[in-house]
Amino acid sequence: MLFGSIQTPIADDFVKWYNDGLINHGRRMTDMAIGVFEGTTFASIPIGIKMPGIHWRMTDSFSPRSAEICAGLIRATDNGSVFNGHGYLRTLDRLIERRLRSHVLLHFTCLEMTDAAPNDPSASLAESLVAWVGLAAHKLGINVKGENALAESVGTDLGWKQIDAAIRNYYYSGITILRVNNINSGLGKERYWRLIADMKGYSIGGDNSN
């Protein structure tokens, strides 16, 4: 879909319908999951909703943010302001209703990635997207956790630096690591255990009395 075509009234109506359809589907699945566990020993365990990080084509001069729009994550008319989470505030507000925010948490991806260079053909703003979603979730009182998009990223200092920044600056309260074998040894293992220690408030090998 060409970006210019998204701006037409017919295309705008379609994008709104598609966005609403995905939101309504997510709400139905959430209610169904909560209903399945209601009255069981698992009822107190939070239900997770995973949102994909469509971070490419975001700064493309011909079709900015068209990948997110065509994926139904945001509306074409809601994508440009810090005040609406660059489109995600509205989506999250409707996806995870206020009545469910103590029992439902959001999972988001690509925490280890950086924004692409200006001349990069991917036109990615992965790091910015992580920030937008984290801040929008926090503003709405939604607990948000993350994961890395690429398994090999947890073998690099840069990847862990980005993960640390997301947790410290953008309200991510936890992380799932893909894949577990990448944190069994070497840098991945060392940084993973350091992250756990930081989140628990103690130092590995030090005085843990606090």
N, C-alpha and C. Protein backbone atom coordinates (compact mmCIF):
# COMPACT_ATOMS: atom_id res chain seq x y z
N MET A 1 0.86 -1.19 0.00
CA MET A 1 0.00 0.00 0.00
C MET A 1 0.89 1.24 0.00
N LEU A 2 0.70 2.12 -0.95
CA LEU A 2 1.48 3.35 -1.01
C LEU A 2 1.01 4.30 0.07
N PHE A 3 1.97 5.06 0.64
CA PHE A 3 1.63 5.95 1.74
C PHE A 3 0.60 6.98 1.33
N GLY A 4 0.73 7.51 0.10
CA GLY A 4 -0.25 8.47 -0.36
C GLY A 4 -1.65 7.91 -0.38
N SER A 5 -1.75 6.62 -0.68
CA SER A 5 -3.06 5.98 -0.72
C SER A 5 -3.67 5.86 0.67
N ILE A 6 -2.83 5.74 1.71
CA ILE A 6 -3.33 5.63 3.07
C ILE A 6 -4.06 6.90 3.48
N GLN A 7 -3.67 8.01 2.87
CA GLN A 7 -4.24 9.29 3.25
C GLN A 7 -5.62 9.55 2.64
N THR A 8 -6.07 8.71 1.73
CA THR A 8 -7.38 8.91 1.14
C THR A 8 -8.47 8.51 2.13
N PRO A 9 -9.67 9.09 2.02
CA PRO A 9 -10.76 8.76 2.97
C PRO A 9 -11.09 7.28 3.01
N ILE A 10 -11.10 6.61 1.86
CA ILE A 10 -11.44 5.18 1.84
C ILE A 10 -10.38 4.38 2.57
N ALA A 11 -9.11 4.67 2.29
CA ALA A 11 -8.02 3.94 2.95
C ALA A 11 -8.01 4.23 4.44
N ASP A 12 -8.27 5.47 4.82
CA ASP A 12 -8.30 5.83 6.23
C ASP A 12 -9.39 5.06 6.96
N ASP A 13 -10.55 4.93 6.34
CA ASP A 13 -11.63 4.14 6.93
C ASP A 13 -11.23 2.69 7.08
N PHE A 14 -10.52 2.15 6.09
CA PHE A 14 -10.08 0.76 6.16
C PHE A 14 -9.08 0.56 7.30
N VAL A 15 -8.11 1.48 7.40
CA VAL A 15 -7.10 1.36 8.46
C VAL A 15 -7.76 1.44 9.84
N LYS A 16 -8.72 2.34 10.01
CA LYS A 16 -9.43 2.43 11.28
C LYS A 16 -10.18 1.14 11.58
N TRP A 17 -10.84 0.58 10.56
CA TRP A 17 -11.57 -0.68 10.74
C TRP A 17 -10.61 -1.81 11.12
N TYR A 18 -9.47 -1.86 10.45
CA TYR A 18 -8.49 -2.91 10.72
C TYR A 18 -7.92 -2.77 12.13
N ASN A 19 -7.56 -1.57 12.52
CA ASN A 19 -7.05 -1.30 13.86
C ASN A 19 -8.09 -1.68 14.91
N ASP A 20 -9.33 -1.28 14.71
CA ASP A 20 -10.40 -1.64 15.64
C ASP A 20 -10.60 -3.14 15.71
N GLY A 21 -10.51 -3.80 14.54
CA GLY A 21 -10.69 -5.25 14.50
C GLY A 21 -9.65 -5.99 15.32
N LEU A 22 -8.39 -5.57 15.21
CA LEU A 22 -7.32 -6.21 15.97
C LEU A 22 -7.47 -5.95 17.47
N ILE A 23 -7.84 -4.72 17.81
CA ILE A 23 -8.05 -4.38 19.23
C ILE A 23 -9.18 -5.22 19.81
N ASN A 24 -10.29 -5.30 19.09
CA ASN A 24 -11.43 -6.07 19.58
C ASN A 24 -11.10 -7.55 19.70
N HIS A 25 -10.32 -8.07 18.76
CA HIS A 25 -9.89 -9.47 18.84
C HIS A 25 -9.03 -9.69 20.08
N GLY A 26 -8.09 -8.77 20.33
CA GLY A 26 -7.24 -8.89 21.51
C GLY A 26 -8.04 -8.86 22.79
N ARG A 27 -9.05 -8.03 22.85
CA ARG A 27 -9.88 -7.94 24.05
C ARG A 27 -10.68 -9.21 24.25
N ARG A 28 -11.20 -9.77 23.15
CA ARG A 28 -11.97 -11.02 23.27
C ARG A 28 -11.08 -12.16 23.76
N MET A 29 -9.86 -12.25 23.22
CA MET A 29 -8.95 -13.31 23.63
C MET A 29 -8.53 -13.15 25.10
N THR A 30 -8.35 -11.89 25.52
CA THR A 30 -7.99 -11.63 26.91
C THR A 30 -9.11 -12.04 27.85
N ASP A 31 -10.33 -11.64 27.53
CA ASP A 31 -11.48 -12.02 28.36
C ASP A 31 -11.64 -13.53 28.40
N MET A 32 -11.40 -14.20 27.27
CA MET A 32 -11.53 -15.65 27.23
C MET A 32 -10.48 -16.31 28.12
N ALA A 33 -9.24 -15.81 28.05
CA ALA A 33 -8.17 -16.39 28.87
C ALA A 33 -8.45 -16.19 30.35
N ILE A 34 -8.90 -14.99 30.72
CA ILE A 34 -9.22 -14.73 32.12
C ILE A 34 -10.34 -15.65 32.58
N GLY A 35 -11.33 -15.86 31.71
CA GLY A 35 -12.44 -16.74 32.06
C GLY A 35 -12.03 -18.17 32.25
N VAL A 36 -11.08 -18.64 31.45
CA VAL A 36 -10.60 -20.03 31.57
C VAL A 36 -9.98 -20.27 32.94
N PHE A 37 -9.21 -19.29 33.43
CA PHE A 37 -8.49 -19.47 34.69
C PHE A 37 -9.27 -19.02 35.92
N GLU A 38 -10.42 -18.40 35.71
CA GLU A 38 -11.21 -17.91 36.82
C GLU A 38 -11.62 -19.05 37.75
N GLY A 39 -11.42 -18.85 39.04
CA GLY A 39 -11.79 -19.87 40.01
C GLY A 39 -10.76 -20.97 40.19
N THR A 40 -9.60 -20.85 39.51
CA THR A 40 -8.53 -21.84 39.64
C THR A 40 -7.36 -21.24 40.42
N THR A 41 -6.37 -22.07 40.70
CA THR A 41 -5.18 -21.59 41.41
C THR A 41 -4.35 -20.64 40.55
N PHE A 42 -4.64 -20.58 39.24
CA PHE A 42 -3.89 -19.72 38.34
C PHE A 42 -4.55 -18.35 38.15
N ALA A 43 -5.67 -18.12 38.81
CA ALA A 43 -6.44 -16.90 38.58
C ALA A 43 -5.67 -15.64 38.95
N SER A 44 -4.74 -15.74 39.89
CA SER A 44 -4.01 -14.54 40.33
C SER A 44 -2.80 -14.23 39.46
N ILE A 45 -2.47 -15.12 38.52
CA ILE A 45 -1.32 -14.90 37.64
C ILE A 45 -1.71 -13.96 36.51
N PRO A 46 -0.96 -12.88 36.28
CA PRO A 46 -1.32 -11.93 35.22
C PRO A 46 -1.34 -12.56 33.83
N ILE A 47 -2.27 -12.10 33.01
CA ILE A 47 -2.37 -12.51 31.62
C ILE A 47 -1.50 -11.56 30.79
N GLY A 48 -0.71 -12.11 29.89
CA GLY A 48 0.14 -11.28 29.05
C GLY A 48 -0.41 -11.09 27.65
N ILE A 49 -0.29 -9.87 27.12
CA ILE A 49 -0.62 -9.57 25.74
C ILE A 49 0.66 -9.13 25.04
N LYS A 50 0.99 -9.78 23.95
CA LYS A 50 2.22 -9.44 23.23
C LYS A 50 1.90 -8.57 22.02
N MET A 51 2.62 -7.45 21.90
CA MET A 51 2.49 -6.56 20.76
C MET A 51 3.80 -6.58 19.96
N PRO A 52 3.73 -6.79 18.65
CA PRO A 52 4.96 -6.83 17.86
C PRO A 52 5.57 -5.45 17.70
N GLY A 53 6.88 -5.42 17.59
CA GLY A 53 7.57 -4.16 17.35
C GLY A 53 7.85 -3.98 15.86
N ILE A 54 6.97 -3.32 15.16
CA ILE A 54 7.15 -3.09 13.72
C ILE A 54 7.94 -1.79 13.57
N HIS A 55 9.26 -1.92 13.59
CA HIS A 55 10.12 -0.74 13.73
C HIS A 55 10.76 -0.28 12.44
N TRP A 56 10.50 -0.95 11.32
CA TRP A 56 11.11 -0.57 10.06
C TRP A 56 10.18 0.35 9.26
N ARG A 57 10.74 1.02 8.27
CA ARG A 57 10.04 1.97 7.40
C ARG A 57 9.49 3.18 8.17
N MET A 58 10.01 3.44 9.34
CA MET A 58 9.44 4.50 10.17
C MET A 58 9.85 5.89 9.71
N THR A 59 11.05 6.03 9.18
CA THR A 59 11.51 7.34 8.72
C THR A 59 11.63 7.40 7.21
N ASP A 60 11.07 6.45 6.53
CA ASP A 60 11.14 6.44 5.07
C ASP A 60 10.48 7.71 4.52
N SER A 61 11.16 8.41 3.62
CA SER A 61 10.65 9.69 3.13
C SER A 61 9.40 9.52 2.27
N PHE A 62 9.26 8.37 1.63
CA PHE A 62 8.11 8.14 0.76
C PHE A 62 6.90 7.58 1.53
N SER A 63 7.17 6.72 2.50
CA SER A 63 6.06 6.07 3.22
C SER A 63 6.36 5.95 4.71
N PRO A 64 6.50 7.07 5.42
CA PRO A 64 6.84 7.00 6.85
C PRO A 64 5.79 6.27 7.66
N ARG A 65 6.26 5.30 8.45
CA ARG A 65 5.45 4.53 9.39
C ARG A 65 4.37 3.68 8.72
N SER A 66 4.51 3.45 7.43
CA SER A 66 3.50 2.69 6.71
C SER A 66 3.46 1.23 7.17
N ALA A 67 4.58 0.67 7.62
CA ALA A 67 4.59 -0.72 8.07
C ALA A 67 3.71 -0.90 9.31
N GLU A 68 3.82 0.03 10.27
CA GLU A 68 2.98 -0.03 11.47
C GLU A 68 1.50 0.17 11.14
N ILE A 69 1.25 1.11 10.24
CA ILE A 69 -0.13 1.40 9.85
C ILE A 69 -0.75 0.20 9.14
N CYS A 70 -0.01 -0.38 8.20
CA CYS A 70 -0.53 -1.52 7.45
C CYS A 70 -0.65 -2.76 8.32
N ALA A 71 0.12 -2.83 9.41
CA ALA A 71 -0.01 -3.95 10.36
C ALA A 71 -1.19 -3.76 11.30
N GLY A 72 -1.82 -2.59 11.26
CA GLY A 72 -2.98 -2.33 12.09
C GLY A 72 -2.66 -1.89 13.50
N LEU A 73 -1.40 -1.58 13.78
CA LEU A 73 -1.01 -1.22 15.14
C LEU A 73 -1.42 0.20 15.51
N ILE A 74 -1.38 1.10 14.54
CA ILE A 74 -1.76 2.49 14.77
C ILE A 74 -2.60 2.97 13.61
N ARG A 75 -3.24 4.10 13.80
CA ARG A 75 -3.99 4.73 12.73
C ARG A 75 -3.13 5.78 12.03
N ALA A 76 -3.39 5.99 10.77
CA ALA A 76 -2.60 6.95 10.00
C ALA A 76 -2.71 8.36 10.56
N THR A 77 -3.82 8.65 11.21
CA THR A 77 -4.06 10.01 11.72
C THR A 77 -3.57 10.20 13.14
N ASP A 78 -3.04 9.15 13.77
CA ASP A 78 -2.65 9.23 15.18
C ASP A 78 -1.16 8.97 15.39
N ASN A 79 -0.33 9.27 14.41
CA ASN A 79 1.03 8.75 14.47
C ASN A 79 2.12 9.78 14.69
N GLY A 80 1.78 11.03 15.04
CA GLY A 80 2.85 12.01 15.03
C GLY A 80 3.08 12.83 16.27
N SER A 81 2.52 12.46 17.41
CA SER A 81 2.62 13.34 18.57
C SER A 81 3.07 12.59 19.81
N VAL A 82 3.96 13.23 20.57
CA VAL A 82 4.39 12.65 21.83
C VAL A 82 3.23 12.55 22.82
N PHE A 83 2.24 13.40 22.64
CA PHE A 83 1.11 13.42 23.57
C PHE A 83 0.19 12.22 23.40
N ASN A 84 0.20 11.59 22.23
CA ASN A 84 -0.61 10.39 22.06
C ASN A 84 0.25 9.14 21.89
N GLY A 85 1.48 9.23 22.38
CA GLY A 85 2.36 8.07 22.30
C GLY A 85 2.69 7.69 20.88
N HIS A 86 2.69 8.67 19.98
CA HIS A 86 2.96 8.44 18.56
C HIS A 86 2.03 7.37 17.99
N GLY A 87 0.79 7.37 18.47
CA GLY A 87 -0.22 6.45 17.98
C GLY A 87 -0.53 5.30 18.91
N TYR A 88 0.36 5.00 19.86
CA TYR A 88 0.20 3.80 20.68
C TYR A 88 -0.65 4.04 21.93
N LEU A 89 -0.80 5.28 22.35
CA LEU A 89 -1.60 5.54 23.54
C LEU A 89 -3.05 5.11 23.32
N ARG A 90 -3.60 5.47 22.20
CA ARG A 90 -4.98 5.10 21.90
C ARG A 90 -5.14 3.60 21.78
N THR A 91 -4.23 2.95 21.05
CA THR A 91 -4.32 1.50 20.87
C THR A 91 -4.24 0.76 22.20
N LEU A 92 -3.28 1.13 23.04
CA LEU A 92 -3.13 0.45 24.32
C LEU A 92 -4.29 0.73 25.26
N ASP A 93 -4.80 1.96 25.23
CA ASP A 93 -5.92 2.32 26.10
C ASP A 93 -7.14 1.48 25.79
N ARG A 94 -7.38 1.19 24.52
CA ARG A 94 -8.54 0.40 24.13
C ARG A 94 -8.27 -1.10 24.22
N LEU A 95 -7.02 -1.50 24.01
CA LEU A 95 -6.68 -2.93 24.04
C LEU A 95 -6.74 -3.49 25.46
N ILE A 96 -6.14 -2.78 26.39
CA ILE A 96 -6.12 -3.22 27.79
C ILE A 96 -6.99 -2.26 28.58
N GLU A 97 -8.23 -2.62 28.77
CA GLU A 97 -9.20 -1.75 29.42
C GLU A 97 -8.81 -1.46 30.86
N ARG A 98 -9.26 -0.34 31.35
CA ARG A 98 -8.91 0.09 32.69
C ARG A 98 -9.25 -0.98 33.74
N ARG A 99 -10.37 -1.65 33.57
CA ARG A 99 -10.81 -2.64 34.55
C ARG A 99 -9.86 -3.84 34.62
N LEU A 100 -9.01 -4.01 33.59
CA LEU A 100 -8.15 -5.18 33.53
C LEU A 100 -6.68 -4.87 33.83
N ARG A 101 -6.35 -3.62 34.08
CA ARG A 101 -4.94 -3.24 34.13
C ARG A 101 -4.19 -3.76 35.35
N SER A 102 -4.91 -4.21 36.35
CA SER A 102 -4.24 -4.83 37.48
C SER A 102 -3.98 -6.32 37.23
N HIS A 103 -4.54 -6.85 36.16
CA HIS A 103 -4.46 -8.29 35.91
C HIS A 103 -3.88 -8.64 34.55
N VAL A 104 -3.64 -7.63 33.71
CA VAL A 104 -3.12 -7.86 32.37
C VAL A 104 -1.86 -7.03 32.17
N LEU A 105 -0.83 -7.63 31.59
CA LEU A 105 0.40 -6.88 31.31
C LEU A 105 0.75 -6.99 29.84
N LEU A 106 1.49 -6.02 29.38
CA LEU A 106 1.89 -5.92 27.98
C LEU A 106 3.30 -6.44 27.80
N HIS A 107 3.52 -7.20 26.74
CA HIS A 107 4.87 -7.62 26.35
C HIS A 107 5.22 -6.95 25.02
N PHE A 108 6.42 -6.37 24.96
CA PHE A 108 6.87 -5.71 23.74
C PHE A 108 8.27 -6.17 23.41
N THR A 109 8.63 -6.03 22.14
CA THR A 109 9.89 -6.61 21.67
C THR A 109 10.91 -5.55 21.28
N CYS A 110 12.03 -6.00 20.77
CA CYS A 110 13.17 -5.24 20.21
C CYS A 110 13.83 -4.31 21.22
N LEU A 111 13.87 -4.70 22.51
CA LEU A 111 14.48 -3.86 23.53
C LEU A 111 15.97 -3.66 23.32
N GLU A 112 16.61 -4.57 22.60
CA GLU A 112 18.07 -4.51 22.47
C GLU A 112 18.53 -3.69 21.26
N MET A 113 17.60 -3.20 20.48
CA MET A 113 17.95 -2.57 19.21
C MET A 113 18.12 -1.05 19.34
N THR A 114 18.85 -0.47 18.40
CA THR A 114 19.04 0.97 18.34
C THR A 114 18.31 1.53 17.12
N ASP A 115 18.15 2.83 17.07
CA ASP A 115 17.64 3.47 15.87
C ASP A 115 18.67 3.34 14.76
N ALA A 116 18.20 3.16 13.54
CA ALA A 116 19.11 3.04 12.40
C ALA A 116 19.69 4.40 12.04
N ALA A 117 20.82 4.36 11.40
CA ALA A 117 21.44 5.59 10.89
C ALA A 117 20.53 6.22 9.83
N PRO A 118 20.64 7.54 9.62
CA PRO A 118 19.75 8.23 8.68
C PRO A 118 19.73 7.64 7.28
N ASN A 119 20.86 7.10 6.82
CA ASN A 119 20.92 6.56 5.45
C ASN A 119 20.68 5.06 5.40
N ASP A 120 20.29 4.45 6.50
CA ASP A 120 20.04 3.01 6.53
C ASP A 120 18.73 2.71 5.80
N PRO A 121 18.74 1.77 4.85
CA PRO A 121 17.53 1.48 4.08
C PRO A 121 16.39 0.90 4.91
N SER A 122 16.69 0.39 6.09
CA SER A 122 15.61 -0.14 6.94
C SER A 122 14.71 0.96 7.48
N ALA A 123 15.25 2.18 7.58
CA ALA A 123 14.51 3.33 8.13
C ALA A 123 13.91 2.99 9.49
N SER A 124 14.67 2.24 10.29
CA SER A 124 14.18 1.74 11.58
C SER A 124 14.35 2.77 12.70
N LEU A 125 13.35 2.80 13.58
CA LEU A 125 13.44 3.57 14.82
C LEU A 125 13.11 2.66 16.00
N ALA A 126 13.80 1.53 16.07
CA ALA A 126 13.48 0.53 17.09
C ALA A 126 13.61 1.08 18.50
N GLU A 127 14.69 1.78 18.78
CA GLU A 127 14.91 2.31 20.12
C GLU A 127 13.84 3.34 20.48
N SER A 128 13.51 4.21 19.55
CA SER A 128 12.45 5.19 19.79
C SER A 128 11.11 4.51 20.03
N LEU A 129 10.83 3.45 19.27
CA LEU A 129 9.57 2.73 19.41
C LEU A 129 9.45 2.10 20.79
N VAL A 130 10.54 1.51 21.27
CA VAL A 130 10.56 0.95 22.63
C VAL A 130 10.21 2.02 23.65
N ALA A 131 10.78 3.21 23.46
CA ALA A 131 10.50 4.32 24.38
C ALA A 131 9.04 4.76 24.29
N TRP A 132 8.52 4.91 23.09
CA TRP A 132 7.13 5.37 22.91
C TRP A 132 6.14 4.42 23.58
N VAL A 133 6.34 3.12 23.35
CA VAL A 133 5.41 2.14 23.91
C VAL A 133 5.54 2.07 25.43
N GLY A 134 6.77 2.08 25.94
CA GLY A 134 6.96 2.04 27.38
C GLY A 134 6.35 3.24 28.08
N LEU A 135 6.56 4.41 27.52
CA LEU A 135 6.02 5.63 28.13
C LEU A 135 4.49 5.68 28.03
N ALA A 136 3.94 5.23 26.90
CA ALA A 136 2.49 5.21 26.74
C ALA A 136 1.85 4.24 27.73
N ALA A 137 2.46 3.06 27.88
CA ALA A 137 1.93 2.08 28.84
C ALA A 137 1.98 2.63 30.26
N HIS A 138 3.09 3.25 30.61
CA HIS A 138 3.22 3.83 31.95
C HIS A 138 2.18 4.90 32.20
N LYS A 139 1.94 5.73 31.22
CA LYS A 139 0.96 6.80 31.35
C LYS A 139 -0.43 6.25 31.63
N LEU A 140 -0.72 5.08 31.07
CA LEU A 140 -2.03 4.45 31.24
C LEU A 140 -2.11 3.53 32.45
N GLY A 141 -0.99 3.34 33.15
CA GLY A 141 -0.98 2.44 34.29
C GLY A 141 -0.93 0.97 33.90
N ILE A 142 -0.35 0.68 32.73
CA ILE A 142 -0.22 -0.69 32.24
C ILE A 142 1.18 -1.19 32.52
N ASN A 143 1.28 -2.34 33.15
CA ASN A 143 2.58 -2.97 33.40
C ASN A 143 3.13 -3.50 32.08
N VAL A 144 4.37 -3.12 31.74
CA VAL A 144 4.96 -3.53 30.47
C VAL A 144 6.27 -4.25 30.70
N LYS A 145 6.43 -5.35 30.00
CA LYS A 145 7.67 -6.11 30.03
C LYS A 145 8.14 -6.29 28.59
N GLY A 146 9.41 -6.68 28.41
CA GLY A 146 9.96 -6.72 27.06
C GLY A 146 10.71 -8.00 26.75
N GLU A 147 11.24 -8.03 25.54
CA GLU A 147 12.10 -9.12 25.11
C GLU A 147 13.01 -8.62 24.01
N ASN A 148 14.06 -9.39 23.74
CA ASN A 148 14.95 -9.05 22.63
C ASN A 148 14.41 -9.66 21.35
N ALA A 149 14.57 -8.96 20.24
CA ALA A 149 14.05 -9.43 18.97
C ALA A 149 14.97 -10.46 18.31
N LEU A 150 16.28 -10.31 18.50
CA LEU A 150 17.26 -11.18 17.86
C LEU A 150 18.07 -11.91 18.91
N ALA A 151 18.19 -13.22 18.76
CA ALA A 151 18.86 -14.03 19.77
C ALA A 151 20.31 -13.62 19.97
N GLU A 152 21.03 -13.33 18.88
CA GLU A 152 22.46 -13.05 19.00
C GLU A 152 22.75 -11.72 19.68
N SER A 153 21.75 -10.87 19.82
CA SER A 153 21.97 -9.55 20.40
C SER A 153 22.40 -9.60 21.85
N VAL A 154 22.04 -10.67 22.56
CA VAL A 154 22.42 -10.76 23.97
C VAL A 154 23.86 -11.23 24.14
N GLY A 155 24.58 -11.35 23.04
CA GLY A 155 26.01 -11.63 23.09
C GLY A 155 26.84 -10.38 22.88
N THR A 156 26.20 -9.21 22.91
CA THR A 156 26.92 -7.96 22.66
C THR A 156 26.68 -6.97 23.80
N ASP A 157 27.68 -6.17 24.07
CA ASP A 157 27.54 -5.12 25.09
C ASP A 157 26.47 -4.11 24.69
N LEU A 158 26.42 -3.77 23.40
CA LEU A 158 25.44 -2.79 22.94
C LEU A 158 24.02 -3.28 23.18
N GLY A 159 23.77 -4.55 22.89
CA GLY A 159 22.43 -5.10 23.11
C GLY A 159 22.01 -4.98 24.56
N TRP A 160 22.90 -5.31 25.49
CA TRP A 160 22.57 -5.22 26.92
C TRP A 160 22.46 -3.77 27.39
N LYS A 161 23.25 -2.90 26.79
CA LYS A 161 23.13 -1.48 27.12
C LYS A 161 21.74 -0.98 26.78
N GLN A 162 21.22 -1.39 25.64
CA GLN A 162 19.88 -0.98 25.23
C GLN A 162 18.81 -1.57 26.14
N ILE A 163 18.97 -2.83 26.52
CA ILE A 163 18.02 -3.47 27.44
C ILE A 163 18.01 -2.76 28.78
N ASP A 164 19.20 -2.47 29.29
CA ASP A 164 19.30 -1.75 30.57
C ASP A 164 18.61 -0.39 30.48
N ALA A 165 18.81 0.31 29.37
CA ALA A 165 18.22 1.64 29.21
C ALA A 165 16.70 1.57 29.17
N ALA A 166 16.16 0.55 28.51
CA ALA A 166 14.70 0.40 28.43
C ALA A 166 14.11 0.18 29.82
N ILE A 167 14.78 -0.63 30.62
CA ILE A 167 14.29 -0.93 31.97
C ILE A 167 14.42 0.29 32.88
N ARG A 168 15.53 0.99 32.77
CA ARG A 168 15.78 2.12 33.66
C ARG A 168 14.99 3.37 33.27
N ASN A 169 14.79 3.57 31.97
CA ASN A 169 14.24 4.84 31.50
C ASN A 169 12.81 4.79 30.99
N TYR A 170 12.35 3.60 30.59
CA TYR A 170 11.06 3.54 29.91
C TYR A 170 10.07 2.57 30.56
N TYR A 171 10.32 2.26 31.83
CA TYR A 171 9.33 1.59 32.68
C TYR A 171 9.10 0.11 32.34
N TYR A 172 10.04 -0.53 31.66
CA TYR A 172 9.92 -1.97 31.44
C TYR A 172 10.29 -2.68 32.74
N SER A 173 9.38 -3.51 33.23
CA SER A 173 9.56 -4.11 34.55
C SER A 173 10.16 -5.50 34.52
N GLY A 174 10.46 -6.01 33.35
CA GLY A 174 11.05 -7.33 33.24
C GLY A 174 11.35 -7.65 31.79
N ILE A 175 12.01 -8.79 31.56
CA ILE A 175 12.38 -9.14 30.18
C ILE A 175 12.41 -10.65 30.01
N THR A 176 11.99 -11.09 28.83
CA THR A 176 12.15 -12.48 28.39
C THR A 176 13.32 -12.51 27.41
N ILE A 177 14.25 -13.44 27.61
CA ILE A 177 15.41 -13.53 26.74
C ILE A 177 15.21 -14.64 25.70
N LEU A 178 15.40 -14.28 24.44
CA LEU A 178 15.35 -15.24 23.34
C LEU A 178 16.76 -15.44 22.83
N ARG A 179 17.23 -16.58 22.79
CA ARG A 179 16.88 -17.89 23.26
C ARG A 179 17.71 -18.21 24.49
N VAL A 180 17.26 -19.15 25.29
CA VAL A 180 17.91 -19.37 26.57
C VAL A 180 19.36 -19.84 26.42
N ASN A 181 19.68 -20.54 25.34
CA ASN A 181 21.06 -21.01 25.17
C ASN A 181 22.05 -19.86 25.00
N ASN A 182 21.56 -18.67 24.64
CA ASN A 182 22.44 -17.53 24.47
C ASN A 182 22.84 -16.88 25.79
N ILE A 183 22.23 -17.33 26.89
CA ILE A 183 22.62 -16.79 28.20
C ILE A 183 23.13 -17.91 29.11
N ASN A 184 23.60 -18.99 28.50
CA ASN A 184 24.16 -20.10 29.27
C ASN A 184 25.65 -19.93 29.54
N SER A 185 26.30 -19.03 28.79
CA SER A 185 27.74 -18.85 28.96
C SER A 185 28.16 -17.50 28.40
N GLY A 186 29.41 -17.15 28.68
CA GLY A 186 30.01 -15.95 28.11
C GLY A 186 29.35 -14.65 28.54
N LEU A 187 29.41 -13.66 27.66
CA LEU A 187 28.89 -12.34 27.97
C LEU A 187 27.40 -12.37 28.27
N GLY A 188 26.64 -13.17 27.51
CA GLY A 188 25.21 -13.25 27.74
C GLY A 188 24.87 -13.68 29.15
N LYS A 189 25.56 -14.68 29.65
CA LYS A 189 25.31 -15.17 31.00
C LYS A 189 25.68 -14.12 32.04
N GLU A 190 26.85 -13.50 31.85
CA GLU A 190 27.33 -12.50 32.82
C GLU A 190 26.38 -11.31 32.91
N ARG A 191 25.94 -10.81 31.76
CA ARG A 191 25.07 -9.64 31.76
C ARG A 191 23.66 -9.98 32.22
N TYR A 192 23.19 -11.19 31.92
CA TYR A 192 21.86 -11.62 32.37
C TYR A 192 21.81 -11.69 33.89
N TRP A 193 22.83 -12.30 34.48
CA TRP A 193 22.85 -12.39 35.95
C TRP A 193 23.03 -11.01 36.59
N ARG A 194 23.79 -10.15 35.93
CA ARG A 194 23.94 -8.79 36.45
C ARG A 194 22.60 -8.05 36.42
N LEU A 195 21.83 -8.26 35.36
CA LEU A 195 20.52 -7.63 35.27
C LEU A 195 19.59 -8.13 36.37
N ILE A 196 19.60 -9.44 36.60
CA ILE A 196 18.77 -10.00 37.68
C ILE A 196 19.17 -9.40 39.02
N ALA A 197 20.47 -9.30 39.25
CA ALA A 197 20.95 -8.73 40.50
C ALA A 197 20.52 -7.28 40.65
N ASP A 198 20.64 -6.51 39.57
CA ASP A 198 20.24 -5.10 39.62
C ASP A 198 18.76 -4.96 39.93
N MET A 199 17.94 -5.80 39.31
CA MET A 199 16.49 -5.69 39.51
C MET A 199 16.07 -6.14 40.90
N LYS A 200 16.85 -7.05 41.49
CA LYS A 200 16.56 -7.51 42.85
C LYS A 200 17.20 -6.62 43.91
N GLY A 201 18.11 -5.74 43.47
CA GLY A 201 18.71 -4.80 44.39
C GLY A 201 19.88 -5.34 45.19
N TYR A 202 20.63 -6.30 44.61
CA TYR A 202 21.83 -6.75 45.31
C TYR A 202 22.96 -6.97 44.32
N SER A 203 24.15 -7.16 44.84
CA SER A 203 25.33 -7.34 44.00
C SER A 203 25.76 -8.80 44.04
N ILE A 204 26.04 -9.36 42.88
CA ILE A 204 26.52 -10.74 42.81
C ILE A 204 27.86 -10.85 43.53
N GLY A 205 27.96 -11.77 44.46
CA GLY A 205 29.19 -11.98 45.20
C GLY A 205 29.43 -10.96 46.30
N GLY A 206 28.51 -10.04 46.50
CA GLY A 206 28.71 -9.02 47.50
C GLY A 206 27.82 -9.23 48.70
N ASP A 207 27.66 -8.19 49.49
CA ASP A 207 26.82 -8.24 50.68
C ASP A 207 25.36 -8.08 50.26
N ASN A 208 24.59 -9.14 50.38
CA ASN A 208 23.18 -9.13 49.95
C ASN A 208 22.24 -8.91 51.10
N SER A 209 22.73 -8.38 52.20
CA SER A 209 21.89 -8.24 53.40
C SER A 209 20.76 -7.26 53.18
N ASN A 210 20.89 -6.35 52.20
CA ASN A 210 19.83 -5.39 51.93
C ASN A 210 18.75 -5.98 51.05
